[in-house]
Amino acid sequence: MCEKLLCAICRAKAEHYYTDDSNKYGIKCNSCGEYHLTEKAEIFLGLLLRVDRAMLAAYIRTKVKTAVNPPLLDELDIFRTLVSAFPNQRSRFR
């Protein structure tokens, strides 16, 4: 069952669906693609600056194109991705 909500990364309209793991759910966004997310990660994403979310959206778009399964984001994964992929960008979490 899909619900029409907002993408946790770019805030565009997206579909949310339940996965077989109760600790995560799936999101299908026309801009970012399809990915899985934990509830803690969604809270963490809400704390990111807009520019950090934009960089993460770009990273997810490239990862979705090469991945067989939708990528899973958890709160630690998001932090590692931003620090490793964009080391020269300023973030409030450094």
Protein backbone atom coordinates (compact mmCIF):
# COMPACT_ATOMS: atom_id res chain seq x y z
CA MET A 1 0.00 0.00 0.00
CA CYS A 2 1.43 3.37 -1.01
CA GLU A 3 0.71 6.69 0.61
CA LYS A 4 1.31 10.05 -1.07
CA LEU A 5 3.63 12.03 1.20
CA LEU A 6 6.81 14.06 0.78
CA CYS A 7 10.27 12.77 -0.05
CA ALA A 8 12.40 12.83 3.09
CA ILE A 9 15.36 14.20 1.13
CA CYS A 10 14.11 16.75 -1.42
CA ARG A 11 10.58 17.38 -0.01
CA ALA A 12 8.88 16.72 -3.37
CA LYS A 13 5.71 14.61 -3.55
CA ALA A 14 6.58 10.93 -3.23
CA GLU A 15 5.06 7.54 -2.51
CA HIS A 16 5.81 5.81 0.79
CA TYR A 17 5.41 2.05 1.12
CA TYR A 18 6.05 -0.58 3.78
CA THR A 19 8.91 -3.06 3.41
CA ASP A 20 9.30 -6.52 4.89
CA ASP A 21 11.44 -4.99 7.67
CA SER A 22 9.37 -3.09 10.22
CA ASN A 23 12.31 -0.78 11.01
CA LYS A 24 12.38 0.78 7.55
CA TYR A 25 10.07 1.89 4.76
CA GLY A 26 10.45 2.65 1.09
CA ILE A 27 10.13 5.93 -0.74
CA LYS A 28 9.64 6.43 -4.49
CA CYS A 29 10.44 9.98 -5.52
CA ASN A 30 10.45 11.27 -9.10
CA SER A 31 13.50 13.42 -8.32
CA CYS A 32 15.60 11.22 -6.02
CA GLY A 33 14.51 7.77 -7.12
CA GLU A 34 13.61 4.82 -4.91
CA TYR A 35 15.32 4.29 -1.56
CA HIS A 36 14.67 2.79 1.86
CA LEU A 37 14.80 4.82 5.04
CA THR A 38 14.67 4.20 8.78
CA GLU A 39 12.52 6.37 11.04
CA LYS A 40 15.61 7.67 12.86
CA ALA A 41 17.13 8.69 9.53
CA GLU A 42 14.02 10.68 8.64
CA ILE A 43 14.39 12.65 11.88
CA PHE A 44 18.07 13.20 11.11
CA LEU A 45 17.26 14.42 7.59
CA GLY A 46 14.95 17.02 9.09
CA LEU A 47 17.96 18.53 10.88
CA LEU A 48 20.09 18.90 7.77
CA LEU A 49 20.56 22.20 6.02
CA ARG A 50 18.86 22.56 2.64
CA VAL A 51 22.23 22.48 0.83
CA ASP A 52 23.15 19.23 2.61
CA ARG A 53 19.85 17.64 1.59
CA ALA A 54 20.47 18.75 -2.01
CA MET A 55 23.91 17.12 -1.99
CA LEU A 56 22.46 13.95 -0.49
CA ALA A 57 19.73 13.91 -3.17
CA ALA A 58 22.41 14.07 -5.87
CA TYR A 59 24.29 11.22 -4.22
CA ILE A 60 21.13 9.09 -3.97
CA ARG A 61 20.25 9.72 -7.64
CA THR A 62 23.65 8.40 -8.75
CA LYS A 63 23.48 5.46 -6.33
CA VAL A 64 19.98 4.48 -7.50
CA LYS A 65 21.17 4.32 -11.11
CA THR A 66 23.89 1.77 -10.29
CA ALA A 67 22.23 -0.23 -7.48
CA VAL A 68 20.29 -3.43 -7.97
CA ASN A 69 18.26 -2.89 -4.79
CA PRO A 70 17.07 0.47 -3.44
CA PRO A 71 19.76 1.93 -1.16
CA LEU A 72 19.05 1.97 2.58
CA LEU A 73 19.69 5.17 4.50
CA ASP A 74 20.07 5.13 8.23
CA GLU A 75 21.21 8.05 10.38
CA LEU A 76 24.87 6.98 10.49
CA ASP A 77 24.90 6.27 6.76
CA ILE A 78 23.67 9.78 5.99
CA PHE A 79 26.40 11.39 8.07
CA ARG A 80 29.13 9.22 6.52
CA THR A 81 27.86 9.93 3.02
CA LEU A 82 27.89 13.69 3.49
CA VAL A 83 31.34 13.73 5.09
CA SER A 84 32.99 11.37 2.59
CA ALA A 85 31.29 12.49 -0.62
CA PHE A 86 31.40 16.23 0.07
CA PRO A 87 34.41 16.89 2.36
CA ASN A 88 34.85 20.51 1.26
CA GLN A 89 31.28 21.54 1.98
CA ARG A 90 30.42 23.15 5.27
CA SER A 91 27.86 21.33 7.40
CA ARG A 92 26.53 22.17 10.84
CA PHE A 93 27.43 18.66 12.03
CA ARG A 94 31.20 19.08 11.79
